[in-house]
Amino acid sequence: MKKIHIDKNGREFIKETYFVGGKMKFRRVYVIDGIPADEFYEKNATDLDFYLNGDYELINSAKDFNNHFKEQDNKEPDSVDNEGLENLPF
């Protein structure tokens, strides 16, 4: 477990190191409940949140696609008036 630091605004972060041109740099990875903010967002956001923020690749389209067809199968077909159909020219 990496050490969680606190910045001057009270936000928690983990220091992540990386190298640029042979020199070591530090990056702040902000955390929410001990989980990096990006992971927390992916786990807890709804499809609407992903859509509004432009993260279309994270939307679970297979779930929505299957639910859409299940809803259509459960609906009863509307009654159609056959009286006017005999008078159509085609």
PDB file of N, CA and C in Angstrom:
ATOM      1  N   MET A   1       0.846  -1.180   0.000  1.00  0.00           N
ATOM      2  CA  MET A   1       0.000   0.000   0.000  1.00  0.00           C
ATOM      3  C   MET A   1       0.889   1.240   0.000  1.00  0.00           C
ATOM      4  N   LYS A   2       0.623   2.121  -0.946  1.00  0.00           N
ATOM      5  CA  LYS A   2       1.404   3.349  -1.031  1.00  0.00           C
ATOM      6  C   LYS A   2       0.904   4.358  -0.010  1.00  0.00           C
ATOM      7  N   LYS A   3       1.785   5.230   0.397  1.00  0.00           N
ATOM      8  CA  LYS A   3       1.442   6.233   1.388  1.00  0.00           C
ATOM      9  C   LYS A   3       0.528   7.291   0.771  1.00  0.00           C
ATOM     10  N   ILE A   4      -0.505   7.647   1.503  1.00  0.00           N
ATOM     11  CA  ILE A   4      -1.444   8.668   1.037  1.00  0.00           C
ATOM     12  C   ILE A   4      -1.047   9.992   1.672  1.00  0.00           C
ATOM     13  N   HIS A   5      -0.778  10.998   0.818  1.00  0.00           N
ATOM     14  CA  HIS A   5      -0.397  12.333   1.254  1.00  0.00           C
ATOM     15  C   HIS A   5      -1.616  13.245   1.156  1.00  0.00           C
ATOM     16  N   ILE A   6      -1.537  14.401   1.808  1.00  0.00           N
ATOM     17  CA  ILE A   6      -2.623  15.380   1.756  1.00  0.00           C
ATOM     18  C   ILE A   6      -2.038  16.698   1.279  1.00  0.00           C
ATOM     19  N   ASP A   7      -2.681  17.310   0.243  1.00  0.00           N
ATOM     20  CA  ASP A   7      -2.191  18.600  -0.241  1.00  0.00           C
ATOM     21  C   ASP A   7      -2.757  19.728   0.619  1.00  0.00           C
ATOM     22  N   LYS A   8      -2.404  20.976   0.306  1.00  0.00           N
ATOM     23  CA  LYS A   8      -2.819  22.090   1.152  1.00  0.00           C
ATOM     24  C   LYS A   8      -4.309  22.386   1.084  1.00  0.00           C
ATOM     25  N   ASN A   9      -5.022  21.815   0.105  1.00  0.00           N
ATOM     26  CA  ASN A   9      -6.473  21.980   0.035  1.00  0.00           C
ATOM     27  C   ASN A   9      -7.214  20.849   0.738  1.00  0.00           C
ATOM     28  N   GLY A  10      -6.487  19.873   1.292  1.00  0.00           N
ATOM     29  CA  GLY A  10      -7.098  18.782   2.032  1.00  0.00           C
ATOM     30  C   GLY A  10      -7.433  17.567   1.198  1.00  0.00           C
ATOM     31  N   ARG A  11      -7.032  17.554  -0.074  1.00  0.00           N
ATOM     32  CA  ARG A  11      -7.303  16.399  -0.940  1.00  0.00           C
ATOM     33  C   ARG A  11      -6.207  15.356  -0.762  1.00  0.00           C
ATOM     34  N   GLU A  12      -6.601  14.095  -0.790  1.00  0.00           N
ATOM     35  CA  GLU A  12      -5.651  12.998  -0.628  1.00  0.00           C
ATOM     36  C   GLU A  12      -5.095  12.589  -1.983  1.00  0.00           C
ATOM     37  N   PHE A  13      -3.794  12.254  -2.013  1.00  0.00           N
ATOM     38  CA  PHE A  13      -3.159  11.806  -3.249  1.00  0.00           C
ATOM     39  C   PHE A  13      -2.033  10.844  -2.944  1.00  0.00           C
ATOM     40  N   ILE A  14      -1.654  10.081  -3.966  1.00  0.00           N
ATOM     41  CA  ILE A  14      -0.511   9.175  -3.907  1.00  0.00           C
ATOM     42  C   ILE A  14       0.541   9.724  -4.861  1.00  0.00           C
ATOM     43  N   LYS A  15       1.790   9.730  -4.446  1.00  0.00           N
ATOM     44  CA  LYS A  15       2.877  10.160  -5.328  1.00  0.00           C
ATOM     45  C   LYS A  15       3.259   9.004  -6.235  1.00  0.00           C
ATOM     46  N   GLU A  16       3.209   9.244  -7.522  1.00  0.00           N
ATOM     47  CA  GLU A  16       3.607   8.237  -8.510  1.00  0.00           C
ATOM     48  C   GLU A  16       4.833   8.775  -9.231  1.00  0.00           C
ATOM     49  N   THR A  17       5.845   7.950  -9.383  1.00  0.00           N
ATOM     50  CA  THR A  17       7.073   8.395 -10.024  1.00  0.00           C
ATOM     51  C   THR A  17       7.122   7.933 -11.471  1.00  0.00           C
ATOM     52  N   TYR A  18       7.784   8.750 -12.295  1.00  0.00           N
ATOM     53  CA  TYR A  18       8.033   8.398 -13.687  1.00  0.00           C
ATOM     54  C   TYR A  18       9.299   9.122 -14.126  1.00  0.00           C
ATOM     55  N   PHE A  19       9.873   8.675 -15.241  1.00  0.00           N
ATOM     56  CA  PHE A  19      11.133   9.230 -15.721  1.00  0.00           C
ATOM     57  C   PHE A  19      10.936   9.969 -17.034  1.00  0.00           C
ATOM     58  N   VAL A  20      11.567  11.152 -17.135  1.00  0.00           N
ATOM     59  CA  VAL A  20      11.574  11.926 -18.374  1.00  0.00           C
ATOM     60  C   VAL A  20      13.014  12.368 -18.614  1.00  0.00           C
ATOM     61  N   GLY A  21      13.583  11.916 -19.708  1.00  0.00           N
ATOM     62  CA  GLY A  21      14.960  12.309 -20.041  1.00  0.00           C
ATOM     63  C   GLY A  21      15.965  11.891 -18.985  1.00  0.00           C
ATOM     64  N   GLY A  22      15.754  10.768 -18.329  1.00  0.00           N
ATOM     65  CA  GLY A  22      16.689  10.284 -17.329  1.00  0.00           C
ATOM     66  C   GLY A  22      16.511  10.904 -15.958  1.00  0.00           C
ATOM     67  N   LYS A  23      15.528  11.788 -15.806  1.00  0.00           N
ATOM     68  CA  LYS A  23      15.282  12.418 -14.511  1.00  0.00           C
ATOM     69  C   LYS A  23      13.957  11.916 -13.943  1.00  0.00           C
ATOM     70  N   MET A  24      13.943  11.734 -12.636  1.00  0.00           N
ATOM     71  CA  MET A  24      12.735  11.243 -11.986  1.00  0.00           C
ATOM     72  C   MET A  24      11.796  12.409 -11.683  1.00  0.00           C
ATOM     73  N   LYS A  25      10.541  12.236 -12.079  1.00  0.00           N
ATOM     74  CA  LYS A  25       9.497  13.232 -11.821  1.00  0.00           C
ATOM     75  C   LYS A  25       8.428  12.582 -10.959  1.00  0.00           C
ATOM     76  N   PHE A  26       7.586  13.403 -10.323  1.00  0.00           N
ATOM     77  CA  PHE A  26       6.487  12.908  -9.504  1.00  0.00           C
ATOM     78  C   PHE A  26       5.170  13.405 -10.062  1.00  0.00           C
ATOM     79  N   ARG A  27       4.185  12.531  -9.982  1.00  0.00           N
ATOM     80  CA  ARG A  27       2.833  12.851 -10.431  1.00  0.00           C
ATOM     81  C   ARG A  27       1.908  12.607  -9.250  1.00  0.00           C
ATOM     82  N   ARG A  28       0.911  13.462  -9.075  1.00  0.00           N
ATOM     83  CA  ARG A  28      -0.084  13.268  -8.023  1.00  0.00           C
ATOM     84  C   ARG A  28      -1.268  12.511  -8.596  1.00  0.00           C
ATOM     85  N   VAL A  29      -1.599  11.390  -7.982  1.00  0.00           N
ATOM     86  CA  VAL A  29      -2.774  10.612  -8.353  1.00  0.00           C
ATOM     87  C   VAL A  29      -3.757  10.763  -7.201  1.00  0.00           C
ATOM     88  N   TYR A  30      -4.794  11.565  -7.433  1.00  0.00           N
ATOM     89  CA  TYR A  30      -5.765  11.828  -6.372  1.00  0.00           C
ATOM     90  C   TYR A  30      -6.615  10.591  -6.120  1.00  0.00           C
ATOM     91  N   VAL A  31      -6.958  10.357  -4.847  1.00  0.00           N
ATOM     92  CA  VAL A  31      -7.697   9.168  -4.460  1.00  0.00           C
ATOM     93  C   VAL A  31      -8.997   9.558  -3.761  1.00  0.00           C
ATOM     94  N   ILE A  32      -9.995   8.684  -3.913  1.00  0.00           N
ATOM     95  CA  ILE A  32     -11.271   8.818  -3.217  1.00  0.00           C
ATOM     96  C   ILE A  32     -11.498   7.490  -2.510  1.00  0.00           C
ATOM     97  N   ASP A  33     -11.624   7.513  -1.212  1.00  0.00           N
ATOM     98  CA  ASP A  33     -11.792   6.302  -0.399  1.00  0.00           C
ATOM     99  C   ASP A  33     -10.674   5.294  -0.650  1.00  0.00           C
ATOM    100  N   GLY A  34      -9.461   5.766  -0.889  1.00  0.00           N
ATOM    101  CA  GLY A  34      -8.317   4.882  -1.098  1.00  0.00           C
ATOM    102  C   GLY A  34      -8.200   4.318  -2.496  1.00  0.00           C
ATOM    103  N   ILE A  35      -9.114   4.689  -3.404  1.00  0.00           N
ATOM    104  CA  ILE A  35      -9.098   4.214  -4.785  1.00  0.00           C
ATOM    105  C   ILE A  35      -8.744   5.407  -5.670  1.00  0.00           C
ATOM    106  N   PRO A  36      -7.885   5.235  -6.681  1.00  0.00           N
ATOM    107  CA  PRO A  36      -7.615   6.352  -7.593  1.00  0.00           C
ATOM    108  C   PRO A  36      -8.910   6.907  -8.189  1.00  0.00           C
ATOM    109  N   ALA A  37      -8.957   8.213  -8.375  1.00  0.00           N
ATOM    110  CA  ALA A  37     -10.185   8.896  -8.799  1.00  0.00           C
ATOM    111  C   ALA A  37     -10.733   8.338 -10.114  1.00  0.00           C
ATOM    112  N   ASP A  38      -9.862   7.975 -11.070  1.00  0.00           N
ATOM    113  CA  ASP A  38     -10.326   7.436 -12.345  1.00  0.00           C
ATOM    114  C   ASP A  38     -11.031   6.097 -12.165  1.00  0.00           C
ATOM    115  N   GLU A  39     -10.470   5.224 -11.345  1.00  0.00           N
ATOM    116  CA  GLU A  39     -11.103   3.927 -11.078  1.00  0.00           C
ATOM    117  C   GLU A  39     -12.430   4.103 -10.352  1.00  0.00           C
ATOM    118  N   PHE A  40     -12.465   5.024  -9.392  1.00  0.00           N
ATOM    119  CA  PHE A  40     -13.696   5.290  -8.638  1.00  0.00           C
ATOM    120  C   PHE A  40     -14.797   5.768  -9.577  1.00  0.00           C
ATOM    121  N   TYR A  41     -14.444   6.641 -10.515  1.00  0.00           N
ATOM    122  CA  TYR A  41     -15.396   7.148 -11.510  1.00  0.00           C
ATOM    123  C   TYR A  41     -15.924   6.021 -12.394  1.00  0.00           C
ATOM    124  N   GLU A  42     -15.037   5.145 -12.864  1.00  0.00           N
ATOM    125  CA  GLU A  42     -15.456   4.043 -13.736  1.00  0.00           C
ATOM    126  C   GLU A  42     -16.367   3.055 -13.018  1.00  0.00           C
ATOM    127  N   LYS A  43     -16.132   2.809 -11.729  1.00  0.00           N
ATOM    128  CA  LYS A  43     -16.937   1.850 -10.984  1.00  0.00           C
ATOM    129  C   LYS A  43     -18.304   2.413 -10.596  1.00  0.00           C
ATOM    130  N   ASN A  44     -18.378   3.703 -10.273  1.00  0.00           N
ATOM    131  CA  ASN A  44     -19.580   4.257  -9.659  1.00  0.00           C
ATOM    132  C   ASN A  44     -20.424   5.144 -10.561  1.00  0.00           C
ATOM    133  N   ALA A  45     -19.952   5.486 -11.731  1.00  0.00           N
ATOM    134  CA  ALA A  45     -20.711   6.369 -12.608  1.00  0.00           C
ATOM    135  C   ALA A  45     -21.753   5.573 -13.391  1.00  0.00           C
ATOM    136  N   THR A  46     -22.822   6.254 -13.762  1.00  0.00           N
ATOM    137  CA  THR A  46     -23.866   5.630 -14.573  1.00  0.00           C
ATOM    138  C   THR A  46     -23.565   5.880 -16.048  1.00  0.00           C
ATOM    139  N   ASP A  47     -24.314   5.220 -16.913  1.00  0.00           N
ATOM    140  CA  ASP A  47     -24.131   5.424 -18.349  1.00  0.00           C
ATOM    141  C   ASP A  47     -24.422   6.871 -18.734  1.00  0.00           C
ATOM    142  N   LEU A  48     -25.347   7.509 -18.042  1.00  0.00           N
ATOM    143  CA  LEU A  48     -25.649   8.914 -18.316  1.00  0.00           C
ATOM    144  C   LEU A  48     -24.447   9.798 -17.988  1.00  0.00           C
ATOM    145  N   ASP A  49     -23.756   9.505 -16.882  1.00  0.00           N
ATOM    146  CA  ASP A  49     -22.553  10.260 -16.529  1.00  0.00           C
ATOM    147  C   ASP A  49     -21.481  10.111 -17.599  1.00  0.00           C
ATOM    148  N   PHE A  50     -21.300   8.874 -18.082  1.00  0.00           N
ATOM    149  CA  PHE A  50     -20.316   8.649 -19.140  1.00  0.00           C
ATOM    150  C   PHE A  50     -20.681   9.431 -20.392  1.00  0.00           C
ATOM    151  N   TYR A  51     -21.963   9.438 -20.740  1.00  0.00           N
ATOM    152  CA  TYR A  51     -22.423  10.155 -21.936  1.00  0.00           C
ATOM    153  C   TYR A  51     -22.206  11.653 -21.794  1.00  0.00           C
ATOM    154  N   LEU A  52     -22.573  12.210 -20.655  1.00  0.00           N
ATOM    155  CA  LEU A  52     -22.442  13.651 -20.445  1.00  0.00           C
ATOM    156  C   LEU A  52     -20.986  14.101 -20.422  1.00  0.00           C
ATOM    157  N   ASN A  53     -20.082  13.239 -19.960  1.00  0.00           N
ATOM    158  CA  ASN A  53     -18.661  13.590 -19.897  1.00  0.00           C
ATOM    159  C   ASN A  53     -17.892  13.189 -21.149  1.00  0.00           C
ATOM    160  N   GLY A  54     -18.562  12.561 -22.129  1.00  0.00           N
ATOM    161  CA  GLY A  54     -17.914  12.204 -23.382  1.00  0.00           C
ATOM    162  C   GLY A  54     -17.111  10.929 -23.327  1.00  0.00           C
ATOM    163  N   ASP A  55     -17.310  10.101 -22.309  1.00  0.00           N
ATOM    164  CA  ASP A  55     -16.589   8.836 -22.190  1.00  0.00           C
ATOM    165  C   ASP A  55     -17.420   7.715 -22.789  1.00  0.00           C
ATOM    166  N   TYR A  56     -17.615   7.768 -24.096  1.00  0.00           N
ATOM    167  CA  TYR A  56     -18.514   6.836 -24.781  1.00  0.00           C
ATOM    168  C   TYR A  56     -17.991   5.403 -24.751  1.00  0.00           C
ATOM    169  N   GLU A  57     -16.660   5.223 -24.690  1.00  0.00           N
ATOM    170  CA  GLU A  57     -16.107   3.878 -24.694  1.00  0.00           C
ATOM    171  C   GLU A  57     -16.399   3.140 -23.394  1.00  0.00           C
ATOM    172  N   LEU A  58     -16.770   3.853 -22.325  1.00  0.00           N
ATOM    173  CA  LEU A  58     -17.054   3.212 -21.042  1.00  0.00           C
ATOM    174  C   LEU A  58     -18.519   2.816 -20.889  1.00  0.00           C
ATOM    175  N   ILE A  59     -19.369   3.250 -21.804  1.00  0.00           N
ATOM    176  CA  ILE A  59     -20.790   2.924 -21.721  1.00  0.00           C
ATOM    177  C   ILE A  59     -20.971   1.441 -22.018  1.00  0.00           C
ATOM    178  N   ASN A  60     -21.756   0.773 -21.200  1.00  0.00           N
ATOM    179  CA  ASN A  60     -22.005  -0.655 -21.363  1.00  0.00           C
ATOM    180  C   ASN A  60     -23.138  -0.832 -22.362  1.00  0.00           C
ATOM    181  N   SER A  61     -22.822  -0.822 -23.646  1.00  0.00           N
ATOM    182  CA  SER A  61     -23.847  -0.867 -24.686  1.00  0.00           C
ATOM    183  C   SER A  61     -24.477  -2.242 -24.807  1.00  0.00           C
ATOM    184  N   ALA A  62     -23.778  -3.317 -24.477  1.00  0.00           N
ATOM    185  CA  ALA A  62     -24.344  -4.660 -24.590  1.00  0.00           C
ATOM    186  C   ALA A  62     -25.508  -4.831 -23.621  1.00  0.00           C
ATOM    187  N   LYS A  63     -25.370  -4.289 -22.435  1.00  0.00           N
ATOM    188  CA  LYS A  63     -26.443  -4.384 -21.449  1.00  0.00           C
ATOM    189  C   LYS A  63     -27.677  -3.634 -21.946  1.00  0.00           C
ATOM    190  N   ASP A  64     -27.490  -2.417 -22.430  1.00  0.00           N
ATOM    191  CA  ASP A  64     -28.611  -1.620 -22.917  1.00  0.00           C
ATOM    192  C   ASP A  64     -29.239  -2.251 -24.146  1.00  0.00           C
ATOM    193  N   PHE A  65     -28.420  -2.812 -25.017  1.00  0.00           N
ATOM    194  CA  PHE A  65     -28.918  -3.414 -26.251  1.00  0.00           C
ATOM    195  C   PHE A  65     -29.826  -4.600 -25.932  1.00  0.00           C
ATOM    196  N   ASN A  66     -29.394  -5.466 -25.014  1.00  0.00           N
ATOM    197  CA  ASN A  66     -30.198  -6.626 -24.643  1.00  0.00           C
ATOM    198  C   ASN A  66     -31.470  -6.227 -23.910  1.00  0.00           C
ATOM    199  N   ASN A  67     -31.380  -5.238 -23.020  1.00  0.00           N
ATOM    200  CA  ASN A  67     -32.561  -4.808 -22.279  1.00  0.00           C
ATOM    201  C   ASN A  67     -33.592  -4.187 -23.208  1.00  0.00           C
ATOM    202  N   HIS A  68     -33.147  -3.518 -24.242  1.00  0.00           N
ATOM    203  CA  HIS A  68     -34.064  -2.877 -25.170  1.00  0.00           C
ATOM    204  C   HIS A  68     -34.935  -3.915 -25.866  1.00  0.00           C
ATOM    205  N   PHE A  69     -34.330  -5.004 -26.306  1.00  0.00           N
ATOM    206  CA  PHE A  69     -35.101  -6.033 -26.995  1.00  0.00           C
ATOM    207  C   PHE A  69     -36.008  -6.787 -26.030  1.00  0.00           C
ATOM    208  N   LYS A  70     -35.580  -6.990 -24.801  1.00  0.00           N
ATOM    209  CA  LYS A  70     -36.427  -7.669 -23.826  1.00  0.00           C
ATOM    210  C   LYS A  70     -37.673  -6.837 -23.530  1.00  0.00           C
ATOM    211  N   GLU A  71     -37.515  -5.511 -23.446  1.00  0.00           N
ATOM    212  CA  GLU A  71     -38.662  -4.641 -23.193  1.00  0.00           C
ATOM    213  C   GLU A  71     -39.641  -4.686 -24.358  1.00  0.00           C
ATOM    214  N   GLN A  72     -39.132  -4.741 -25.595  1.00  0.00           N
ATOM    215  CA  GLN A  72     -40.013  -4.784 -26.753  1.00  0.00           C
ATOM    216  C   GLN A  72     -40.776  -6.102 -26.813  1.00  0.00           C
ATOM    217  N   ASP A  73     -40.152  -7.205 -26.414  1.00  0.00           N
ATOM    218  CA  ASP A  73     -40.819  -8.505 -26.441  1.00  0.00           C
ATOM    219  C   ASP A  73     -41.938  -8.575 -25.412  1.00  0.00           C
ATOM    220  N   ASN A  74     -41.761  -7.887 -24.288  1.00  0.00           N
ATOM    221  CA  ASN A  74     -42.758  -7.947 -23.224  1.00  0.00           C
ATOM    222  C   ASN A  74     -43.988  -7.094 -23.525  1.00  0.00           C
ATOM    223  N   LYS A  75     -43.864  -6.114 -24.396  1.00  0.00           N
ATOM    224  CA  LYS A  75     -44.997  -5.256 -24.724  1.00  0.00           C
ATOM    225  C   LYS A  75     -45.981  -6.001 -25.612  1.00  0.00           C
ATOM    226  N   GLU A  76     -47.251  -5.773 -25.355  1.00  0.00           N
ATOM    227  CA  GLU A  76     -48.280  -6.379 -26.203  1.00  0.00           C
ATOM    228  C   GLU A  76     -48.449  -5.509 -27.447  1.00  0.00           C
ATOM    229  N   PRO A  77     -48.655  -6.128 -28.604  1.00  0.00           N
ATOM    230  CA  PRO A  77     -48.825  -5.335 -29.815  1.00  0.00           C
ATOM    231  C   PRO A  77     -50.109  -4.510 -29.740  1.00  0.00           C
ATOM    232  N   ASP A  78     -50.036  -3.321 -30.294  1.00  0.00           N
ATOM    233  CA  ASP A  78     -51.211  -2.446 -30.312  1.00  0.00           C
ATOM    234  C   ASP A  78     -52.257  -3.022 -31.256  1.00  0.00           C
ATOM    235  N   SER A  79     -53.495  -2.803 -30.911  1.00  0.00           N
ATOM    236  CA  SER A  79     -54.564  -3.292 -31.793  1.00  0.00           C
ATOM    237  C   SER A  79     -54.607  -2.414 -33.043  1.00  0.00           C
ATOM    238  N   VAL A  80     -54.723  -3.034 -34.191  1.00  0.00           N
ATOM    239  CA  VAL A  80     -54.712  -2.333 -35.469  1.00  0.00           C
ATOM    240  C   VAL A  80     -56.110  -2.410 -36.062  1.00  0.00           C
ATOM    241  N   ASP A  81     -56.596  -1.269 -36.546  1.00  0.00           N
ATOM    242  CA  ASP A  81     -57.907  -1.260 -37.208  1.00  0.00           C
ATOM    243  C   ASP A  81     -57.750  -1.774 -38.616  1.00  0.00           C
ATOM    244  N   ASN A  82     -58.389  -2.897 -38.918  1.00  0.00           N
ATOM    245  CA  ASN A  82     -58.296  -3.499 -40.242  1.00  0.00           C
ATOM    246  C   ASN A  82     -59.380  -2.969 -41.176  1.00  0.00           C
ATOM    247  N   GLU A  83     -60.296  -2.149 -40.678  1.00  0.00           N
ATOM    248  CA  GLU A  83     -61.413  -1.673 -41.507  1.00  0.00           C
ATOM    249  C   GLU A  83     -60.932  -0.797 -42.650  1.00  0.00           C
ATOM    250  N   GLY A  84     -59.958   0.095 -42.396  1.00  0.00           N
ATOM    251  CA  GLY A  84     -59.502   1.007 -43.434  1.00  0.00           C
ATOM    252  C   GLY A  84     -58.474   0.395 -44.364  1.00  0.00           C
ATOM    253  N   LEU A  85     -57.976  -0.794 -44.076  1.00  0.00           N
ATOM    254  CA  LEU A  85     -56.920  -1.408 -44.871  1.00  0.00           C
ATOM    255  C   LEU A  85     -57.442  -1.968 -46.204  1.00  0.00           C
ATOM    256  N   GLU A  86     -58.721  -2.333 -46.277  1.00  0.00           N
ATOM    257  CA  GLU A  86     -59.243  -2.911 -47.539  1.00  0.00           C
ATOM    258  C   GLU A  86     -59.352  -1.862 -48.632  1.00  0.00           C
ATOM    259  N   ASN A  87     -59.478  -0.613 -48.270  1.00  0.00           N
ATOM    260  CA  ASN A  87     -59.689   0.462 -49.254  1.00  0.00           C
ATOM    261  C   ASN A  87     -58.405   1.086 -49.759  1.00  0.00           C
ATOM    262  N   LEU A  88     -57.259   0.600 -49.358  1.00  0.00           N
ATOM    263  CA  LEU A  88     -55.986   1.179 -49.795  1.00  0.00           C
ATOM    264  C   LEU A  88     -55.697   0.761 -51.224  1.00  0.00           C
ATOM    265  N   PRO A  89     -55.159   1.669 -52.062  1.00  0.00           N
ATOM    266  CA  PRO A  89     -54.928   1.382 -53.476  1.00  0.00           C
ATOM    267  C   PRO A  89     -53.733   0.460 -53.733  1.00  0.00           C
ATOM    268  N   PHE A  90     -52.925   0.147 -52.772  1.00  0.00           N
ATOM    269  CA  PHE A  90     -51.769  -0.704 -53.021  1.00  0.00           C
ATOM    270  C   PHE A  90     -51.809  -1.961 -52.232  1.00  0.00           C
TER     271      PHE A  90
END
